[in-house]
Amino acid sequence: MELEAGMLVRAKAGHDKNCIYVIISVNDEYVFLADGKLRPICHPKKKNRKHIQPITHVRCESVTDDAIIKKTVKAELKKKEKKEV
């Protein structure tokens, strides 16, 4: 699957395992991620492409606004919590 800006992903490895992020930009080997809260757009997380898993059913409307990114991630987390309960 081709990764592109605006996609939601879940971290598969590292200290942030199972955290949900939005892809801000894609490089050959790395992607830059933000969640709008701890990782805003101005300070994205650099993550290896092998260490993320795309969430295909959701996309973020804007990758330039922290508030929209935060809202999208929060909605996905709520949906995930409902499935677990």
PDB file of N, CA and C in Angstrom:
ATOM      1  N   MET A   1       0.845  -1.178   0.000  1.00  0.00           N
ATOM      2  CA  MET A   1       0.000   0.000   0.000  1.00  0.00           C
ATOM      3  C   MET A   1       0.892   1.243   0.000  1.00  0.00           C
ATOM      4  N   GLU A   2       0.528   2.180  -0.829  1.00  0.00           N
ATOM      5  CA  GLU A   2       1.285   3.424  -0.936  1.00  0.00           C
ATOM      6  C   GLU A   2       0.878   4.386   0.181  1.00  0.00           C
ATOM      7  N   LEU A   3       1.855   4.868   0.909  1.00  0.00           N
ATOM      8  CA  LEU A   3       1.599   5.830   1.980  1.00  0.00           C
ATOM      9  C   LEU A   3       1.547   7.233   1.400  1.00  0.00           C
ATOM     10  N   GLU A   4       0.607   8.043   1.889  1.00  0.00           N
ATOM     11  CA  GLU A   4       0.499   9.427   1.419  1.00  0.00           C
ATOM     12  C   GLU A   4       0.019  10.319   2.551  1.00  0.00           C
ATOM     13  N   ALA A   5       0.240  11.600   2.404  1.00  0.00           N
ATOM     14  CA  ALA A   5      -0.130  12.577   3.428  1.00  0.00           C
ATOM     15  C   ALA A   5      -1.633  12.541   3.681  1.00  0.00           C
ATOM     16  N   GLY A   6      -1.999  12.617   4.967  1.00  0.00           N
ATOM     17  CA  GLY A   6      -3.398  12.618   5.357  1.00  0.00           C
ATOM     18  C   GLY A   6      -3.896  11.276   5.870  1.00  0.00           C
ATOM     19  N   MET A   7      -3.135  10.219   5.637  1.00  0.00           N
ATOM     20  CA  MET A   7      -3.539   8.891   6.104  1.00  0.00           C
ATOM     21  C   MET A   7      -3.296   8.758   7.601  1.00  0.00           C
ATOM     22  N   LEU A   8      -4.162   8.029   8.284  1.00  0.00           N
ATOM     23  CA  LEU A   8      -3.949   7.703   9.679  1.00  0.00           C
ATOM     24  C   LEU A   8      -3.145   6.416   9.757  1.00  0.00           C
ATOM     25  N   VAL A   9      -2.222   6.372  10.711  1.00  0.00           N
ATOM     26  CA  VAL A   9      -1.390   5.188  10.903  1.00  0.00           C
ATOM     27  C   VAL A   9      -1.264   4.882  12.383  1.00  0.00           C
ATOM     28  N   ARG A  10      -0.941   3.613  12.677  1.00  0.00           N
ATOM     29  CA  ARG A  10      -0.697   3.175  14.040  1.00  0.00           C
ATOM     30  C   ARG A  10       0.764   2.766  14.126  1.00  0.00           C
ATOM     31  N   ALA A  11       1.459   3.205  15.180  1.00  0.00           N
ATOM     32  CA  ALA A  11       2.852   2.829  15.382  1.00  0.00           C
ATOM     33  C   ALA A  11       2.923   1.377  15.824  1.00  0.00           C
ATOM     34  N   LYS A  12       3.773   0.581  15.149  1.00  0.00           N
ATOM     35  CA  LYS A  12       3.927  -0.832  15.486  1.00  0.00           C
ATOM     36  C   LYS A  12       5.136  -1.093  16.370  1.00  0.00           C
ATOM     37  N   ALA A  13       6.065  -0.144  16.448  1.00  0.00           N
ATOM     38  CA  ALA A  13       7.290  -0.370  17.211  1.00  0.00           C
ATOM     39  C   ALA A  13       7.741   0.932  17.868  1.00  0.00           C
ATOM     40  N   GLY A  14       8.541   0.779  18.908  1.00  0.00           N
ATOM     41  CA  GLY A  14       9.091   1.935  19.609  1.00  0.00           C
ATOM     42  C   GLY A  14       8.325   2.219  20.887  1.00  0.00           C
ATOM     43  N   HIS A  15       8.750   3.266  21.583  1.00  0.00           N
ATOM     44  CA  HIS A  15       8.094   3.607  22.853  1.00  0.00           C
ATOM     45  C   HIS A  15       6.678   4.134  22.648  1.00  0.00           C
ATOM     46  N   ASP A  16       6.341   4.511  21.429  1.00  0.00           N
ATOM     47  CA  ASP A  16       5.000   5.007  21.115  1.00  0.00           C
ATOM     48  C   ASP A  16       4.132   3.937  20.452  1.00  0.00           C
ATOM     49  N   LYS A  17       4.430   2.676  20.698  1.00  0.00           N
ATOM     50  CA  LYS A  17       3.685   1.562  20.099  1.00  0.00           C
ATOM     51  C   LYS A  17       2.187   1.722  20.358  1.00  0.00           C
ATOM     52  N   ASN A  18       1.387   1.477  19.331  1.00  0.00           N
ATOM     53  CA  ASN A  18      -0.084   1.562  19.339  1.00  0.00           C
ATOM     54  C   ASN A  18      -0.630   2.986  19.368  1.00  0.00           C
ATOM     55  N   CYS A  19       0.200   3.992  19.277  1.00  0.00           N
ATOM     56  CA  CYS A  19      -0.273   5.374  19.177  1.00  0.00           C
ATOM     57  C   CYS A  19      -0.744   5.635  17.744  1.00  0.00           C
ATOM     58  N   ILE A  20      -1.711   6.515  17.613  1.00  0.00           N
ATOM     59  CA  ILE A  20      -2.256   6.844  16.294  1.00  0.00           C
ATOM     60  C   ILE A  20      -1.760   8.228  15.882  1.00  0.00           C
ATOM     61  N   TYR A  21      -1.317   8.319  14.632  1.00  0.00           N
ATOM     62  CA  TYR A  21      -0.785   9.560  14.070  1.00  0.00           C
ATOM     63  C   TYR A  21      -1.379   9.796  12.690  1.00  0.00           C
ATOM     64  N   VAL A  22      -1.168  11.011  12.181  1.00  0.00           N
ATOM     65  CA  VAL A  22      -1.512  11.368  10.808  1.00  0.00           C
ATOM     66  C   VAL A  22      -0.209  11.608  10.068  1.00  0.00           C
ATOM     67  N   ILE A  23      -0.106  11.085   8.856  1.00  0.00           N
ATOM     68  CA  ILE A  23       1.094  11.302   8.047  1.00  0.00           C
ATOM     69  C   ILE A  23       1.092  12.734   7.529  1.00  0.00           C
ATOM     70  N   ILE A  24       2.180  13.449   7.814  1.00  0.00           N
ATOM     71  CA  ILE A  24       2.337  14.827   7.343  1.00  0.00           C
ATOM     72  C   ILE A  24       3.070  14.846   6.006  1.00  0.00           C
ATOM     73  N   SER A  25       4.154  14.069   5.914  1.00  0.00           N
ATOM     74  CA  SER A  25       4.879  13.947   4.650  1.00  0.00           C
ATOM     75  C   SER A  25       5.563  12.588   4.582  1.00  0.00           C
ATOM     76  N   VAL A  26       5.884  12.191   3.343  1.00  0.00           N
ATOM     77  CA  VAL A  26       6.479  10.885   3.096  1.00  0.00           C
ATOM     78  C   VAL A  26       7.815  11.077   2.410  1.00  0.00           C
ATOM     79  N   ASN A  27       8.824  10.343   2.893  1.00  0.00           N
ATOM     80  CA  ASN A  27      10.164  10.358   2.349  1.00  0.00           C
ATOM     81  C   ASN A  27      10.433   8.965   1.786  1.00  0.00           C
ATOM     82  N   ASP A  28      11.602   8.722   1.207  1.00  0.00           N
ATOM     83  CA  ASP A  28      11.925   7.391   0.689  1.00  0.00           C
ATOM     84  C   ASP A  28      11.905   6.335   1.783  1.00  0.00           C
ATOM     85  N   GLU A  29      12.553   6.612   2.890  1.00  0.00           N
ATOM     86  CA  GLU A  29      12.685   5.640   3.968  1.00  0.00           C
ATOM     87  C   GLU A  29      11.849   5.981   5.201  1.00  0.00           C
ATOM     88  N   TYR A  30      11.511   7.241   5.375  1.00  0.00           N
ATOM     89  CA  TYR A  30      10.827   7.692   6.582  1.00  0.00           C
ATOM     90  C   TYR A  30       9.512   8.399   6.264  1.00  0.00           C
ATOM     91  N   VAL A  31       8.649   8.451   7.280  1.00  0.00           N
ATOM     92  CA  VAL A  31       7.446   9.276   7.219  1.00  0.00           C
ATOM     93  C   VAL A  31       7.502  10.239   8.400  1.00  0.00           C
ATOM     94  N   PHE A  32       6.869  11.376   8.254  1.00  0.00           N
ATOM     95  CA  PHE A  32       6.801  12.353   9.323  1.00  0.00           C
ATOM     96  C   PHE A  32       5.364  12.403   9.819  1.00  0.00           C
ATOM     97  N   LEU A  33       5.193  12.216  11.124  1.00  0.00           N
ATOM     98  CA  LEU A  33       3.880  12.038  11.727  1.00  0.00           C
ATOM     99  C   LEU A  33       3.567  13.130  12.735  1.00  0.00           C
ATOM    100  N   ALA A  34       2.280  13.420  12.898  1.00  0.00           N
ATOM    101  CA  ALA A  34       1.818  14.371  13.910  1.00  0.00           C
ATOM    102  C   ALA A  34       0.509  13.850  14.493  1.00  0.00           C
ATOM    103  N   ASP A  35       0.257  14.227  15.758  1.00  0.00           N
ATOM    104  CA  ASP A  35      -1.025  13.866  16.377  1.00  0.00           C
ATOM    105  C   ASP A  35      -1.793  15.101  16.833  1.00  0.00           C
ATOM    106  N   GLY A  36      -1.218  16.281  16.635  1.00  0.00           N
ATOM    107  CA  GLY A  36      -1.909  17.517  16.980  1.00  0.00           C
ATOM    108  C   GLY A  36      -1.798  17.901  18.440  1.00  0.00           C
ATOM    109  N   LYS A  37      -1.294  17.020  19.276  1.00  0.00           N
ATOM    110  CA  LYS A  37      -1.224  17.278  20.707  1.00  0.00           C
ATOM    111  C   LYS A  37       0.235  17.245  21.167  1.00  0.00           C
ATOM    112  N   LEU A  38       0.774  16.058  21.377  1.00  0.00           N
ATOM    113  CA  LEU A  38       2.168  15.931  21.796  1.00  0.00           C
ATOM    114  C   LEU A  38       3.135  16.150  20.639  1.00  0.00           C
ATOM    115  N   ARG A  39       2.691  15.810  19.445  1.00  0.00           N
ATOM    116  CA  ARG A  39       3.494  15.995  18.246  1.00  0.00           C
ATOM    117  C   ARG A  39       2.755  16.905  17.272  1.00  0.00           C
ATOM    118  N   PRO A  40       2.925  18.224  17.412  1.00  0.00           N
ATOM    119  CA  PRO A  40       2.262  19.151  16.481  1.00  0.00           C
ATOM    120  C   PRO A  40       2.957  19.147  15.121  1.00  0.00           C
ATOM    121  N   ILE A  41       2.372  19.809  14.171  1.00  0.00           N
ATOM    122  CA  ILE A  41       2.909  19.869  12.811  1.00  0.00           C
ATOM    123  C   ILE A  41       4.295  20.506  12.783  1.00  0.00           C
ATOM    124  N   CYS A  42       4.529  21.480  13.638  1.00  0.00           N
ATOM    125  CA  CYS A  42       5.819  22.166  13.643  1.00  0.00           C
ATOM    126  C   CYS A  42       6.941  21.297  14.227  1.00  0.00           C
ATOM    127  N   HIS A  43       6.600  20.184  14.885  1.00  0.00           N
ATOM    128  CA  HIS A  43       7.592  19.274  15.468  1.00  0.00           C
ATOM    129  C   HIS A  43       7.164  17.827  15.214  1.00  0.00           C
ATOM    130  N   PRO A  44       7.152  17.397  13.929  1.00  0.00           N
ATOM    131  CA  PRO A  44       6.653  16.047  13.620  1.00  0.00           C
ATOM    132  C   PRO A  44       7.614  14.952  14.067  1.00  0.00           C
ATOM    133  N   LYS A  45       7.092  13.754  14.211  1.00  0.00           N
ATOM    134  CA  LYS A  45       7.882  12.587  14.590  1.00  0.00           C
ATOM    135  C   LYS A  45       8.376  11.907  13.322  1.00  0.00           C
ATOM    136  N   LYS A  46       9.667  11.624  13.276  1.00  0.00           N
ATOM    137  CA  LYS A  46      10.261  10.916  12.155  1.00  0.00           C
ATOM    138  C   LYS A  46      10.221   9.425  12.490  1.00  0.00           C
ATOM    139  N   LYS A  47       9.590   8.638  11.632  1.00  0.00           N
ATOM    140  CA  LYS A  47       9.406   7.214  11.915  1.00  0.00           C
ATOM    141  C   LYS A  47       9.720   6.403  10.664  1.00  0.00           C
ATOM    142  N   ASN A  48      10.368   5.267  10.850  1.00  0.00           N
ATOM    143  CA  ASN A  48      10.673   4.361   9.754  1.00  0.00           C
ATOM    144  C   ASN A  48       9.375   3.806   9.176  1.00  0.00           C
ATOM    145  N   ARG A  49       9.313   3.675   7.854  1.00  0.00           N
ATOM    146  CA  ARG A  49       8.105   3.190   7.191  1.00  0.00           C
ATOM    147  C   ARG A  49       7.721   1.784   7.628  1.00  0.00           C
ATOM    148  N   LYS A  50       8.707   0.978   8.007  1.00  0.00           N
ATOM    149  CA  LYS A  50       8.446  -0.400   8.424  1.00  0.00           C
ATOM    150  C   LYS A  50       7.764  -0.465   9.785  1.00  0.00           C
ATOM    151  N   HIS A  51       7.813   0.613  10.547  1.00  0.00           N
ATOM    152  CA  HIS A  51       7.301   0.603  11.914  1.00  0.00           C
ATOM    153  C   HIS A  51       5.914   1.213  12.060  1.00  0.00           C
ATOM    154  N   ILE A  52       5.199   1.375  10.944  1.00  0.00           N
ATOM    155  CA  ILE A  52       3.836   1.899  11.016  1.00  0.00           C
ATOM    156  C   ILE A  52       2.885   1.002  10.244  1.00  0.00           C
ATOM    157  N   GLN A  53       1.611   1.049  10.633  1.00  0.00           N
ATOM    158  CA  GLN A  53       0.554   0.293   9.963  1.00  0.00           C
ATOM    159  C   GLN A  53      -0.555   1.262   9.584  1.00  0.00           C
ATOM    160  N   PRO A  54      -0.896   1.357   8.299  1.00  0.00           N
ATOM    161  CA  PRO A  54      -1.946   2.289   7.870  1.00  0.00           C
ATOM    162  C   PRO A  54      -3.331   1.880   8.382  1.00  0.00           C
ATOM    163  N   ILE A  55      -4.136   2.877   8.701  1.00  0.00           N
ATOM    164  CA  ILE A  55      -5.544   2.679   9.024  1.00  0.00           C
ATOM    165  C   ILE A  55      -6.290   3.155   7.783  1.00  0.00           C
ATOM    166  N   THR A  56      -6.786   2.216   7.004  1.00  0.00           N
ATOM    167  CA  THR A  56      -7.271   2.541   5.659  1.00  0.00           C
ATOM    168  C   THR A  56      -8.652   3.177   5.608  1.00  0.00           C
ATOM    169  N   HIS A  57      -9.475   2.983   6.618  1.00  0.00           N
ATOM    170  CA  HIS A  57     -10.852   3.465   6.523  1.00  0.00           C
ATOM    171  C   HIS A  57     -11.023   4.931   6.942  1.00  0.00           C
ATOM    172  N   VAL A  58      -9.945   5.591   7.353  1.00  0.00           N
ATOM    173  CA  VAL A  58     -10.054   6.981   7.805  1.00  0.00           C
ATOM    174  C   VAL A  58      -8.937   7.818   7.181  1.00  0.00           C
ATOM    175  N   ARG A  59      -9.283   9.029   6.776  1.00  0.00           N
ATOM    176  CA  ARG A  59      -8.296  10.005   6.287  1.00  0.00           C
ATOM    177  C   ARG A  59      -8.544  11.335   6.975  1.00  0.00           C
ATOM    178  N   CYS A  60      -7.496  12.096   7.143  1.00  0.00           N
ATOM    179  CA  CYS A  60      -7.592  13.425   7.739  1.00  0.00           C
ATOM    180  C   CYS A  60      -7.832  14.439   6.625  1.00  0.00           C
ATOM    181  N   GLU A  61      -8.727  15.390   6.880  1.00  0.00           N
ATOM    182  CA  GLU A  61      -9.072  16.395   5.877  1.00  0.00           C
ATOM    183  C   GLU A  61      -7.920  17.341   5.575  1.00  0.00           C
ATOM    184  N   SER A  62      -7.150  17.702   6.604  1.00  0.00           N
ATOM    185  CA  SER A  62      -6.084  18.685   6.442  1.00  0.00           C
ATOM    186  C   SER A  62      -4.842  18.250   7.195  1.00  0.00           C
ATOM    187  N   VAL A  63      -3.683  18.404   6.570  1.00  0.00           N
ATOM    188  CA  VAL A  63      -2.434  18.085   7.255  1.00  0.00           C
ATOM    189  C   VAL A  63      -1.696  19.363   7.659  1.00  0.00           C
ATOM    190  N   THR A  64      -2.390  20.492   7.607  1.00  0.00           N
ATOM    191  CA  THR A  64      -1.764  21.766   7.966  1.00  0.00           C
ATOM    192  C   THR A  64      -2.390  22.400   9.200  1.00  0.00           C
ATOM    193  N   ASP A  65      -3.359  21.737   9.814  1.00  0.00           N
ATOM    194  CA  ASP A  65      -4.048  22.304  10.965  1.00  0.00           C
ATOM    195  C   ASP A  65      -4.030  21.305  12.126  1.00  0.00           C
ATOM    196  N   ASP A  66      -3.368  21.678  13.220  1.00  0.00           N
ATOM    197  CA  ASP A  66      -3.267  20.802  14.386  1.00  0.00           C
ATOM    198  C   ASP A  66      -4.629  20.458  14.977  1.00  0.00           C
ATOM    199  N   ALA A  67      -5.564  21.389  14.966  1.00  0.00           N
ATOM    200  CA  ALA A  67      -6.882  21.149  15.555  1.00  0.00           C
ATOM    201  C   ALA A  67      -7.638  20.052  14.795  1.00  0.00           C
ATOM    202  N   ILE A  68      -7.563  20.060  13.481  1.00  0.00           N
ATOM    203  CA  ILE A  68      -8.244  19.038  12.682  1.00  0.00           C
ATOM    204  C   ILE A  68      -7.582  17.686  12.873  1.00  0.00           C
ATOM    205  N   ILE A  69      -6.257  17.677  12.925  1.00  0.00           N
ATOM    206  CA  ILE A  69      -5.524  16.427  13.153  1.00  0.00           C
ATOM    207  C   ILE A  69      -5.884  15.847  14.515  1.00  0.00           C
ATOM    208  N   LYS A  70      -5.899  16.690  15.533  1.00  0.00           N
ATOM    209  CA  LYS A  70      -6.227  16.249  16.891  1.00  0.00           C
ATOM    210  C   LYS A  70      -7.649  15.678  16.940  1.00  0.00           C
ATOM    211  N   LYS A  71      -8.580  16.334  16.272  1.00  0.00           N
ATOM    212  CA  LYS A  71      -9.979  15.892  16.257  1.00  0.00           C
ATOM    213  C   LYS A  71     -10.105  14.527  15.556  1.00  0.00           C
ATOM    214  N   THR A  72      -9.403  14.335  14.452  1.00  0.00           N
ATOM    215  CA  THR A  72      -9.459  13.082  13.713  1.00  0.00           C
ATOM    216  C   THR A  72      -8.876  11.934  14.523  1.00  0.00           C
ATOM    217  N   VAL A  73      -7.732  12.166  15.164  1.00  0.00           N
ATOM    218  CA  VAL A  73      -7.086  11.137  15.987  1.00  0.00           C
ATOM    219  C   VAL A  73      -7.965  10.789  17.183  1.00  0.00           C
ATOM    220  N   LYS A  74      -8.549  11.798  17.814  1.00  0.00           N
ATOM    221  CA  LYS A  74      -9.411  11.572  18.974  1.00  0.00           C
ATOM    222  C   LYS A  74     -10.642  10.746  18.586  1.00  0.00           C
ATOM    223  N   ALA A  75     -11.233  11.027  17.434  1.00  0.00           N
ATOM    224  CA  ALA A  75     -12.397  10.271  16.975  1.00  0.00           C
ATOM    225  C   ALA A  75     -12.033   8.815  16.716  1.00  0.00           C
ATOM    226  N   GLU A  76     -10.874   8.572  16.156  1.00  0.00           N
ATOM    227  CA  GLU A  76     -10.431   7.196  15.899  1.00  0.00           C
ATOM    228  C   GLU A  76     -10.163   6.458  17.205  1.00  0.00           C
ATOM    229  N   LEU A  77      -9.595   7.127  18.188  1.00  0.00           N
ATOM    230  CA  LEU A  77      -9.349   6.502  19.489  1.00  0.00           C
ATOM    231  C   LEU A  77     -10.659   6.144  20.185  1.00  0.00           C
ATOM    232  N   LYS A  78     -11.659   7.012  20.102  1.00  0.00           N
ATOM    233  CA  LYS A  78     -12.965   6.716  20.688  1.00  0.00           C
ATOM    234  C   LYS A  78     -13.598   5.511  20.015  1.00  0.00           C
ATOM    235  N   LYS A  79     -13.482   5.432  18.693  1.00  0.00           N
ATOM    236  CA  LYS A  79     -14.026   4.306  17.950  1.00  0.00           C
ATOM    237  C   LYS A  79     -13.335   3.006  18.366  1.00  0.00           C
ATOM    238  N   LYS A  80     -12.031   3.088  18.569  1.00  0.00           N
ATOM    239  CA  LYS A  80     -11.250   1.926  18.991  1.00  0.00           C
ATOM    240  C   LYS A  80     -11.649   1.473  20.399  1.00  0.00           C
ATOM    241  N   GLU A  81     -11.888   2.422  21.291  1.00  0.00           N
ATOM    242  CA  GLU A  81     -12.294   2.093  22.667  1.00  0.00           C
ATOM    243  C   GLU A  81     -13.665   1.414  22.692  1.00  0.00           C
ATOM    244  N   LYS A  82     -14.595   1.868  21.839  1.00  0.00           N
ATOM    245  CA  LYS A  82     -15.926   1.263  21.777  1.00  0.00           C
ATOM    246  C   LYS A  82     -15.858  -0.188  21.330  1.00  0.00           C
ATOM    247  N   LYS A  83     -14.956  -0.490  20.388  1.00  0.00           N
ATOM    248  CA  LYS A  83     -14.803  -1.858  19.902  1.00  0.00           C
ATOM    249  C   LYS A  83     -14.256  -2.780  20.978  1.00  0.00           C
ATOM    250  N   GLU A  84     -13.372  -2.262  21.831  1.00  0.00           N
ATOM    251  CA  GLU A  84     -12.757  -3.073  22.878  1.00  0.00           C
ATOM    252  C   GLU A  84     -13.695  -3.372  24.021  1.00  0.00           C
ATOM    253  N   VAL A  85     -14.658  -2.495  24.270  1.00  0.00           N
ATOM    254  CA  VAL A  85     -15.580  -2.680  25.411  1.00  0.00           C
ATOM    255  C   VAL A  85     -16.698  -3.586  25.084  1.00  0.00           C
TER     256      VAL A  85
END
